[in-house]
Amino acid sequence: MSPGDAITTTTRTRAGTTPAGGHPATAEQLRQARLEREAEAARQAWRARTLKVWFNGASLSWSVRVGHTLNTELTAQNGENRLEILEPDSVLRRVQLVGVHGADAPSGGFYPGQR
């Protein structure tokens, strides 16, 4: 090798990524990329939930996905029926009371409640 010859080296990062400039990613760039991936995963995590539900005192667990319809059957008893859904983020229970008497149609509404 003579003076003035170009020296070429190859450097690989642990993750094997190279930013747009063609230089190996620094530790800070790798950390920032990891934080961005984790933040995106956290933004998407709320979409799929397991809800704790009580219907007339019976404890149920429903797996739900935001934006998708949940179809389930609950057998009402004659008189008042109580449906409680625990909201995981606020730790509040949403309560719906439904009165059923003979051939009556269900009536009632959701009321935020806390136990």
Protein backbone atom coordinates (compact mmCIF):
# COMPACT_ATOMS: atom_id res chain seq x y z
CA MET A 1 0.00 0.00 0.00
CA SER A 2 1.40 3.40 -0.90
CA PRO A 3 0.63 6.80 0.59
CA GLY A 4 -2.60 8.28 -0.76
CA ASP A 5 -4.30 4.89 -1.32
CA ALA A 6 -7.88 4.81 -0.02
CA ILE A 7 -8.54 2.59 2.94
CA THR A 8 -11.87 0.83 2.92
CA THR A 9 -13.31 -0.70 6.06
CA THR A 10 -16.56 -2.47 6.66
CA THR A 11 -18.35 -1.94 9.95
CA ARG A 12 -21.47 -3.80 11.01
CA THR A 13 -23.76 -2.80 13.80
CA ARG A 14 -25.30 -5.31 16.17
CA ALA A 15 -28.66 -4.91 14.50
CA GLY A 16 -27.10 -4.82 11.06
CA THR A 17 -28.83 -1.56 10.18
CA THR A 18 -27.34 1.32 8.27
CA PRO A 19 -29.00 4.74 8.21
CA ALA A 20 -29.76 6.54 4.93
CA GLY A 21 -26.32 8.22 4.93
CA GLY A 22 -24.64 4.85 4.44
CA HIS A 23 -22.76 5.05 7.74
CA PRO A 24 -23.25 2.46 10.48
CA ALA A 25 -25.97 3.27 12.99
CA THR A 26 -24.77 4.69 16.27
CA ALA A 27 -25.88 3.33 19.62
CA GLU A 28 -28.18 6.35 20.02
CA GLN A 29 -29.79 5.75 16.61
CA LEU A 30 -30.37 2.09 17.47
CA ARG A 31 -31.86 3.11 20.82
CA GLN A 32 -34.14 5.65 19.13
CA ALA A 33 -35.31 3.06 16.58
CA ARG A 34 -36.08 0.61 19.40
CA LEU A 35 -38.02 3.28 21.32
CA GLU A 36 -40.04 4.11 18.18
CA ARG A 37 -40.90 0.41 17.68
CA GLU A 38 -41.95 0.10 21.34
CA ALA A 39 -44.07 3.26 21.12
CA GLU A 40 -45.83 1.96 18.00
CA ALA A 41 -46.51 -1.38 19.72
CA ALA A 42 -47.97 0.50 22.70
CA ARG A 43 -50.20 2.59 20.38
CA GLN A 44 -51.58 -0.60 18.82
CA ALA A 45 -51.91 -2.58 22.08
CA TRP A 46 -55.22 -0.97 23.11
CA ARG A 47 -56.96 -2.42 20.07
CA ALA A 48 -57.12 -5.99 21.44
CA ARG A 49 -58.48 -6.33 24.95
CA THR A 50 -59.66 -8.91 27.41
CA LEU A 51 -62.60 -7.50 29.33
CA LYS A 52 -63.77 -8.70 32.72
CA VAL A 53 -67.57 -8.90 32.62
CA TRP A 54 -70.22 -9.80 35.19
CA PHE A 55 -73.75 -10.78 34.19
CA ASN A 56 -76.14 -11.27 37.10
CA GLY A 57 -73.15 -11.99 39.32
CA ALA A 58 -71.54 -14.59 37.02
CA SER A 59 -67.96 -13.64 36.12
CA LEU A 60 -67.08 -13.81 32.40
CA SER A 61 -64.04 -12.91 30.32
CA TRP A 62 -64.48 -11.52 26.79
CA SER A 63 -61.68 -11.13 24.24
CA VAL A 64 -62.58 -8.13 22.10
CA ARG A 65 -60.97 -6.05 19.37
CA VAL A 66 -61.72 -2.35 18.89
CA GLY A 67 -63.63 -1.69 15.68
CA HIS A 68 -64.93 -5.26 15.42
CA THR A 69 -68.36 -6.53 16.41
CA LEU A 70 -68.70 -8.84 19.39
CA ASN A 71 -71.64 -11.24 19.23
CA THR A 72 -72.52 -13.17 22.35
CA GLU A 73 -75.64 -14.56 23.97
CA LEU A 74 -76.72 -13.90 27.52
CA THR A 75 -79.79 -15.57 29.00
CA ALA A 76 -81.89 -13.00 30.83
CA GLN A 77 -83.83 -13.90 33.93
CA ASN A 78 -87.30 -12.59 34.72
CA GLY A 79 -86.94 -9.27 36.53
CA GLU A 80 -83.85 -7.11 36.66
CA ASN A 81 -80.65 -8.20 34.91
CA ARG A 82 -77.32 -6.53 35.57
CA LEU A 83 -74.43 -6.38 33.11
CA GLU A 84 -71.14 -4.89 34.37
CA ILE A 85 -68.08 -4.33 32.20
CA LEU A 86 -64.75 -3.37 33.77
CA GLU A 87 -62.94 -0.69 31.78
CA PRO A 88 -59.26 -1.72 32.06
CA ASP A 89 -57.75 1.76 31.68
CA SER A 90 -59.97 3.70 34.08
CA VAL A 91 -60.79 0.79 36.44
CA LEU A 92 -64.43 1.93 36.25
CA ARG A 93 -67.31 -0.44 35.76
CA ARG A 94 -69.94 0.35 33.17
CA VAL A 95 -73.26 -0.95 34.38
CA GLN A 96 -76.39 -1.67 32.39
CA LEU A 97 -79.59 -2.64 34.14
CA VAL A 98 -82.17 -4.38 31.99
CA GLY A 99 -85.65 -5.17 33.23
CA VAL A 100 -87.35 -8.19 31.68
CA HIS A 101 -90.89 -9.12 32.70
CA GLY A 102 -92.61 -11.86 30.76
CA ALA A 103 -92.76 -10.80 27.10
CA ASP A 104 -91.52 -7.26 27.79
CA ALA A 105 -88.78 -5.83 25.63
CA PRO A 106 -85.50 -5.04 27.38
CA SER A 107 -85.12 -1.50 28.69
CA GLY A 108 -82.28 0.30 30.40
CA GLY A 109 -79.04 2.05 29.64
CA PHE A 110 -75.39 2.28 30.51
CA TYR A 111 -74.41 4.17 33.62
CA PRO A 112 -70.80 4.71 34.63
CA GLY A 113 -70.25 3.20 38.03
CA GLN A 114 -67.40 2.39 40.33
CA ARG A 115 -67.09 -0.28 42.95
